[in-house]
Amino acid sequence: MQDRVVIRPAALEDARDIYEINRTSLGYAIGWDMLYSQFKKILGNPDHRVWIAQTEEGGVWGYVHACRYECLF
């Protein structure tokens, strides 16, 4: 039986899971304090969106971060 994936908006409580994904799967060497601070700031910014992919049981599989980008042209 396959796990169903649920996509939902991220919450501050997801910071630890995002930290672990960044560290173990993506190889980003960002410290916990910096990630938490940035994540908190991003969640409060209407130009940014973060979504979490998780199993129905709550296991986080991944995330996506999108933001408004304005070009000079």
PDB file of N, CA and C in Angstrom:
ATOM      1  N   MET A   1       0.844  -1.186   0.000  1.00  0.00           N
ATOM      2  CA  MET A   1       0.000   0.000   0.000  1.00  0.00           C
ATOM      3  C   MET A   1       0.883   1.241   0.000  1.00  0.00           C
ATOM      4  N   GLN A   2       0.560   2.192  -0.866  1.00  0.00           N
ATOM      5  CA  GLN A   2       1.338   3.417  -0.960  1.00  0.00           C
ATOM      6  C   GLN A   2       0.846   4.455   0.037  1.00  0.00           C
ATOM      7  N   ASP A   3       1.807   5.234   0.547  1.00  0.00           N
ATOM      8  CA  ASP A   3       1.439   6.369   1.387  1.00  0.00           C
ATOM      9  C   ASP A   3       0.897   7.473   0.497  1.00  0.00           C
ATOM     10  N   ARG A   4      -0.154   8.110   0.964  1.00  0.00           N
ATOM     11  CA  ARG A   4      -0.672   9.276   0.253  1.00  0.00           C
ATOM     12  C   ARG A   4       0.099  10.502   0.725  1.00  0.00           C
ATOM     13  N   VAL A   5       0.373  11.394  -0.211  1.00  0.00           N
ATOM     14  CA  VAL A   5       1.102  12.622   0.109  1.00  0.00           C
ATOM     15  C   VAL A   5       0.111  13.766   0.217  1.00  0.00           C
ATOM     16  N   VAL A   6       0.274  14.540   1.267  1.00  0.00           N
ATOM     17  CA  VAL A   6      -0.555  15.712   1.511  1.00  0.00           C
ATOM     18  C   VAL A   6       0.335  16.938   1.349  1.00  0.00           C
ATOM     19  N   ILE A   7      -0.134  17.925   0.604  1.00  0.00           N
ATOM     20  CA  ILE A   7       0.579  19.196   0.448  1.00  0.00           C
ATOM     21  C   ILE A   7      -0.175  20.232   1.270  1.00  0.00           C
ATOM     22  N   ARG A   8       0.562  20.939   2.113  1.00  0.00           N
ATOM     23  CA  ARG A   8      -0.068  21.940   2.976  1.00  0.00           C
ATOM     24  C   ARG A   8       0.887  23.107   3.186  1.00  0.00           C
ATOM     25  N   PRO A   9       0.336  24.276   3.560  1.00  0.00           N
ATOM     26  CA  PRO A   9       1.215  25.402   3.871  1.00  0.00           C
ATOM     27  C   PRO A   9       2.097  25.070   5.079  1.00  0.00           C
ATOM     28  N   ALA A  10       3.307  25.561   5.051  1.00  0.00           N
ATOM     29  CA  ALA A  10       4.237  25.340   6.156  1.00  0.00           C
ATOM     30  C   ALA A  10       3.837  26.173   7.365  1.00  0.00           C
ATOM     31  N   ALA A  11       4.248  25.694   8.527  1.00  0.00           N
ATOM     32  CA  ALA A  11       4.051  26.401   9.792  1.00  0.00           C
ATOM     33  C   ALA A  11       5.389  26.428  10.517  1.00  0.00           C
ATOM     34  N   LEU A  12       5.516  27.299  11.483  1.00  0.00           N
ATOM     35  CA  LEU A  12       6.771  27.430  12.228  1.00  0.00           C
ATOM     36  C   LEU A  12       7.194  26.097  12.838  1.00  0.00           C
ATOM     37  N   GLU A  13       6.241  25.266  13.189  1.00  0.00           N
ATOM     38  CA  GLU A  13       6.537  23.960  13.781  1.00  0.00           C
ATOM     39  C   GLU A  13       7.269  23.034  12.798  1.00  0.00           C
ATOM     40  N   ASP A  14       7.307  23.381  11.512  1.00  0.00           N
ATOM     41  CA  ASP A  14       7.993  22.579  10.497  1.00  0.00           C
ATOM     42  C   ASP A  14       9.475  22.905  10.392  1.00  0.00           C
ATOM     43  N   ALA A  15       9.939  23.886  11.134  1.00  0.00           N
ATOM     44  CA  ALA A  15      11.326  24.336  11.007  1.00  0.00           C
ATOM     45  C   ALA A  15      12.323  23.206  11.223  1.00  0.00           C
ATOM     46  N   ARG A  16      12.110  22.358  12.216  1.00  0.00           N
ATOM     47  CA  ARG A  16      13.063  21.279  12.495  1.00  0.00           C
ATOM     48  C   ARG A  16      13.138  20.289  11.320  1.00  0.00           C
ATOM     49  N   ASP A  17      11.979  19.953  10.751  1.00  0.00           N
ATOM     50  CA  ASP A  17      11.980  19.042   9.597  1.00  0.00           C
ATOM     51  C   ASP A  17      12.691  19.669   8.400  1.00  0.00           C
ATOM     52  N   ILE A  18      12.451  20.941   8.158  1.00  0.00           N
ATOM     53  CA  ILE A  18      13.120  21.631   7.053  1.00  0.00           C
ATOM     54  C   ILE A  18      14.625  21.678   7.296  1.00  0.00           C
ATOM     55  N   TYR A  19      15.013  21.932   8.529  1.00  0.00           N
ATOM     56  CA  TYR A  19      16.434  21.935   8.885  1.00  0.00           C
ATOM     57  C   TYR A  19      17.071  20.581   8.568  1.00  0.00           C
ATOM     58  N   GLU A  20      16.411  19.502   8.955  1.00  0.00           N
ATOM     59  CA  GLU A  20      16.953  18.159   8.724  1.00  0.00           C
ATOM     60  C   GLU A  20      17.022  17.822   7.238  1.00  0.00           C
ATOM     61  N   ILE A  21      16.004  18.213   6.470  1.00  0.00           N
ATOM     62  CA  ILE A  21      16.031  17.990   5.023  1.00  0.00           C
ATOM     63  C   ILE A  21      17.192  18.754   4.398  1.00  0.00           C
ATOM     64  N   ASN A  22      17.350  20.012   4.791  1.00  0.00           N
ATOM     65  CA  ASN A  22      18.447  20.826   4.254  1.00  0.00           C
ATOM     66  C   ASN A  22      19.804  20.213   4.583  1.00  0.00           C
ATOM     67  N   ARG A  23      19.960  19.748   5.802  1.00  0.00           N
ATOM     68  CA  ARG A  23      21.239  19.218   6.268  1.00  0.00           C
ATOM     69  C   ARG A  23      21.562  17.849   5.667  1.00  0.00           C
ATOM     70  N   THR A  24      20.601  16.926   5.707  1.00  0.00           N
ATOM     71  CA  THR A  24      20.904  15.547   5.321  1.00  0.00           C
ATOM     72  C   THR A  24      20.668  15.254   3.845  1.00  0.00           C
ATOM     73  N   SER A  25      19.626  15.795   3.266  1.00  0.00           N
ATOM     74  CA  SER A  25      19.296  15.477   1.876  1.00  0.00           C
ATOM     75  C   SER A  25      19.890  16.462   0.876  1.00  0.00           C
ATOM     76  N   LEU A  26      19.967  17.719   1.258  1.00  0.00           N
ATOM     77  CA  LEU A  26      20.429  18.749   0.325  1.00  0.00           C
ATOM     78  C   LEU A  26      21.867  19.188   0.572  1.00  0.00           C
ATOM     79  N   GLY A  27      22.417  18.837   1.737  1.00  0.00           N
ATOM     80  CA  GLY A  27      23.808  19.166   2.038  1.00  0.00           C
ATOM     81  C   GLY A  27      24.065  20.619   2.365  1.00  0.00           C
ATOM     82  N   TYR A  28      23.036  21.358   2.743  1.00  0.00           N
ATOM     83  CA  TYR A  28      23.214  22.764   3.113  1.00  0.00           C
ATOM     84  C   TYR A  28      23.799  22.849   4.520  1.00  0.00           C
ATOM     85  N   ALA A  29      24.860  23.604   4.660  1.00  0.00           N
ATOM     86  CA  ALA A  29      25.531  23.752   5.947  1.00  0.00           C
ATOM     87  C   ALA A  29      25.052  25.017   6.660  1.00  0.00           C
ATOM     88  N   ILE A  30      23.770  25.109   6.883  1.00  0.00           N
ATOM     89  CA  ILE A  30      23.207  26.259   7.585  1.00  0.00           C
ATOM     90  C   ILE A  30      22.928  25.846   9.026  1.00  0.00           C
ATOM     91  N   GLY A  31      23.254  26.719   9.956  1.00  0.00           N
ATOM     92  CA  GLY A  31      23.017  26.433  11.365  1.00  0.00           C
ATOM     93  C   GLY A  31      21.539  26.526  11.723  1.00  0.00           C
ATOM     94  N   TRP A  32      21.180  25.845  12.803  1.00  0.00           N
ATOM     95  CA  TRP A  32      19.788  25.830  13.256  1.00  0.00           C
ATOM     96  C   TRP A  32      19.271  27.232  13.538  1.00  0.00           C
ATOM     97  N   ASP A  33      20.035  28.051  14.267  1.00  0.00           N
ATOM     98  CA  ASP A  33      19.568  29.389  14.646  1.00  0.00           C
ATOM     99  C   ASP A  33      19.296  30.254  13.416  1.00  0.00           C
ATOM    100  N   MET A  34      20.175  30.174  12.428  1.00  0.00           N
ATOM    101  CA  MET A  34      19.977  30.974  11.217  1.00  0.00           C
ATOM    102  C   MET A  34      18.755  30.483  10.447  1.00  0.00           C
ATOM    103  N   LEU A  35      18.623  29.168  10.291  1.00  0.00           N
ATOM    104  CA  LEU A  35      17.470  28.641   9.571  1.00  0.00           C
ATOM    105  C   LEU A  35      16.173  29.046  10.263  1.00  0.00           C
ATOM    106  N   TYR A  36      16.117  28.881  11.568  1.00  0.00           N
ATOM    107  CA  TYR A  36      14.897  29.201  12.309  1.00  0.00           C
ATOM    108  C   TYR A  36      14.540  30.677  12.158  1.00  0.00           C
ATOM    109  N   SER A  37      15.545  31.538  12.265  1.00  0.00           N
ATOM    110  CA  SER A  37      15.327  32.976  12.130  1.00  0.00           C
ATOM    111  C   SER A  37      14.818  33.331  10.726  1.00  0.00           C
ATOM    112  N   GLN A  38      15.449  32.778   9.698  1.00  0.00           N
ATOM    113  CA  GLN A  38      15.034  33.045   8.321  1.00  0.00           C
ATOM    114  C   GLN A  38      13.643  32.482   8.029  1.00  0.00           C
ATOM    115  N   PHE A  39      13.386  31.280   8.506  1.00  0.00           N
ATOM    116  CA  PHE A  39      12.097  30.637   8.277  1.00  0.00           C
ATOM    117  C   PHE A  39      10.974  31.447   8.919  1.00  0.00           C
ATOM    118  N   LYS A  40      11.213  31.903  10.127  1.00  0.00           N
ATOM    119  CA  LYS A  40      10.220  32.727  10.832  1.00  0.00           C
ATOM    120  C   LYS A  40       9.955  34.017  10.063  1.00  0.00           C
ATOM    121  N   LYS A  41      11.011  34.633   9.554  1.00  0.00           N
ATOM    122  CA  LYS A  41      10.872  35.872   8.789  1.00  0.00           C
ATOM    123  C   LYS A  41      10.110  35.617   7.481  1.00  0.00           C
ATOM    124  N   ILE A  42      10.448  34.546   6.795  1.00  0.00           N
ATOM    125  CA  ILE A  42       9.811  34.211   5.519  1.00  0.00           C
ATOM    126  C   ILE A  42       8.326  33.910   5.703  1.00  0.00           C
ATOM    127  N   LEU A  43       7.989  33.183   6.753  1.00  0.00           N
ATOM    128  CA  LEU A  43       6.578  32.853   6.981  1.00  0.00           C
ATOM    129  C   LEU A  43       5.716  34.097   7.167  1.00  0.00           C
ATOM    130  N   GLY A  44       6.297  35.164   7.653  1.00  0.00           N
ATOM    131  CA  GLY A  44       5.556  36.399   7.855  1.00  0.00           C
ATOM    132  C   GLY A  44       5.574  37.343   6.667  1.00  0.00           C
ATOM    133  N   ASN A  45       6.212  36.935   5.583  1.00  0.00           N
ATOM    134  CA  ASN A  45       6.354  37.789   4.411  1.00  0.00           C
ATOM    135  C   ASN A  45       5.374  37.345   3.325  1.00  0.00           C
ATOM    136  N   PRO A  46       4.442  38.209   2.917  1.00  0.00           N
ATOM    137  CA  PRO A  46       3.450  37.812   1.916  1.00  0.00           C
ATOM    138  C   PRO A  46       4.032  37.541   0.525  1.00  0.00           C
ATOM    139  N   ASP A  47       5.286  37.923   0.292  1.00  0.00           N
ATOM    140  CA  ASP A  47       5.927  37.649  -0.995  1.00  0.00           C
ATOM    141  C   ASP A  47       6.553  36.259  -1.060  1.00  0.00           C
ATOM    142  N   HIS A  48       6.486  35.515   0.033  1.00  0.00           N
ATOM    143  CA  HIS A  48       7.049  34.170   0.095  1.00  0.00           C
ATOM    144  C   HIS A  48       5.955  33.171   0.433  1.00  0.00           C
ATOM    145  N   ARG A  49       6.109  31.959  -0.109  1.00  0.00           N
ATOM    146  CA  ARG A  49       5.217  30.842   0.220  1.00  0.00           C
ATOM    147  C   ARG A  49       6.083  29.608   0.437  1.00  0.00           C
ATOM    148  N   VAL A  50       5.745  28.837   1.455  1.00  0.00           N
ATOM    149  CA  VAL A  50       6.430  27.570   1.713  1.00  0.00           C
ATOM    150  C   VAL A  50       5.348  26.515   1.889  1.00  0.00           C
ATOM    151  N   TRP A  51       5.501  25.399   1.167  1.00  0.00           N
ATOM    152  CA  TRP A  51       4.560  24.284   1.301  1.00  0.00           C
ATOM    153  C   TRP A  51       5.334  23.048   1.751  1.00  0.00           C
ATOM    154  N   ILE A  52       4.660  22.219   2.502  1.00  0.00           N
ATOM    155  CA  ILE A  52       5.224  20.977   3.031  1.00  0.00           C
ATOM    156  C   ILE A  52       4.551  19.801   2.335  1.00  0.00           C
ATOM    157  N   ALA A  53       5.333  18.793   1.970  1.00  0.00           N
ATOM    158  CA  ALA A  53       4.804  17.521   1.470  1.00  0.00           C
ATOM    159  C   ALA A  53       4.994  16.511   2.595  1.00  0.00           C
ATOM    160  N   GLN A  54       3.898  15.908   3.015  1.00  0.00           N
ATOM    161  CA  GLN A  54       3.987  14.935   4.108  1.00  0.00           C
ATOM    162  C   GLN A  54       3.046  13.768   3.857  1.00  0.00           C
ATOM    163  N   THR A  55       3.287  12.679   4.560  1.00  0.00           N
ATOM    164  CA  THR A  55       2.376  11.540   4.488  1.00  0.00           C
ATOM    165  C   THR A  55       1.130  11.875   5.305  1.00  0.00           C
ATOM    166  N   GLU A  56       0.086  11.116   5.084  1.00  0.00           N
ATOM    167  CA  GLU A  56      -1.127  11.328   5.887  1.00  0.00           C
ATOM    168  C   GLU A  56      -0.854  11.120   7.368  1.00  0.00           C
ATOM    169  N   GLU A  57       0.148  10.297   7.675  1.00  0.00           N
ATOM    170  CA  GLU A  57       0.506  10.041   9.071  1.00  0.00           C
ATOM    171  C   GLU A  57       1.347  11.170   9.673  1.00  0.00           C
ATOM    172  N   GLY A  58       1.794  12.111   8.844  1.00  0.00           N
ATOM    173  CA  GLY A  58       2.518  13.271   9.352  1.00  0.00           C
ATOM    174  C   GLY A  58       4.002  13.295   9.083  1.00  0.00           C
ATOM    175  N   GLY A  59       4.565  12.263   8.461  1.00  0.00           N
ATOM    176  CA  GLY A  59       5.989  12.276   8.150  1.00  0.00           C
ATOM    177  C   GLY A  59       6.299  13.228   7.011  1.00  0.00           C
ATOM    178  N   VAL A  60       7.186  14.174   7.248  1.00  0.00           N
ATOM    179  CA  VAL A  60       7.525  15.176   6.232  1.00  0.00           C
ATOM    180  C   VAL A  60       8.492  14.583   5.210  1.00  0.00           C
ATOM    181  N   TRP A  61       8.140  14.672   3.936  1.00  0.00           N
ATOM    182  CA  TRP A  61       8.964  14.170   2.838  1.00  0.00           C
ATOM    183  C   TRP A  61       9.791  15.272   2.194  1.00  0.00           C
ATOM    184  N   GLY A  62       9.272  16.488   2.177  1.00  0.00           N
ATOM    185  CA  GLY A  62       9.981  17.562   1.514  1.00  0.00           C
ATOM    186  C   GLY A  62       9.241  18.876   1.634  1.00  0.00           C
ATOM    187  N   TYR A  63       9.796  19.887   0.989  1.00  0.00           N
ATOM    188  CA  TYR A  63       9.168  21.207   1.013  1.00  0.00           C
ATOM    189  C   TYR A  63       9.527  21.946  -0.264  1.00  0.00           C
ATOM    190  N   VAL A  64       8.765  22.982  -0.540  1.00  0.00           N
ATOM    191  CA  VAL A  64       9.083  23.879  -1.647  1.00  0.00           C
ATOM    192  C   VAL A  64       8.917  25.309  -1.138  1.00  0.00           C
ATOM    193  N   HIS A  65       9.831  26.160  -1.558  1.00  0.00           N
ATOM    194  CA  HIS A  65       9.803  27.581  -1.187  1.00  0.00           C
ATOM    195  C   HIS A  65       9.738  28.387  -2.473  1.00  0.00           C
ATOM    196  N   ALA A  66       8.740  29.232  -2.578  1.00  0.00           N
ATOM    197  CA  ALA A  66       8.585  30.104  -3.744  1.00  0.00           C
ATOM    198  C   ALA A  66       8.521  31.548  -3.267  1.00  0.00           C
ATOM    199  N   CYS A  67       9.039  32.448  -4.074  1.00  0.00           N
ATOM    200  CA  CYS A  67       8.964  33.860  -3.700  1.00  0.00           C
ATOM    201  C   CYS A  67       8.817  34.711  -4.950  1.00  0.00           C
ATOM    202  N   ARG A  68       8.283  35.880  -4.738  1.00  0.00           N
ATOM    203  CA  ARG A  68       8.137  36.845  -5.816  1.00  0.00           C
ATOM    204  C   ARG A  68       9.523  37.369  -6.187  1.00  0.00           C
ATOM    205  N   TYR A  69       9.781  37.348  -7.482  1.00  0.00           N
ATOM    206  CA  TYR A  69      11.060  37.817  -7.989  1.00  0.00           C
ATOM    207  C   TYR A  69      10.778  38.865  -9.048  1.00  0.00           C
ATOM    208  N   GLU A  70      11.304  40.044  -8.854  1.00  0.00           N
ATOM    209  CA  GLU A  70      11.085  41.114  -9.818  1.00  0.00           C
ATOM    210  C   GLU A  70      12.392  41.427 -10.529  1.00  0.00           C
ATOM    211  N   CYS A  71      12.328  41.405 -11.830  1.00  0.00           N
ATOM    212  CA  CYS A  71      13.496  41.693 -12.663  1.00  0.00           C
ATOM    213  C   CYS A  71      13.618  43.200 -12.929  1.00  0.00           C
ATOM    214  N   LEU A  72      14.767  43.582 -13.379  1.00  0.00           N
ATOM    215  CA  LEU A  72      14.994  44.974 -13.779  1.00  0.00           C
ATOM    216  C   LEU A  72      14.466  45.249 -15.177  1.00  0.00           C
ATOM    217  N   PHE A  73      14.047  44.231 -15.895  1.00  0.00           N
ATOM    218  CA  PHE A  73      13.573  44.422 -17.266  1.00  0.00           C
ATOM    219  C   PHE A  73      12.159  43.924 -17.415  1.00  0.00           C
TER     220      PHE A  73
END
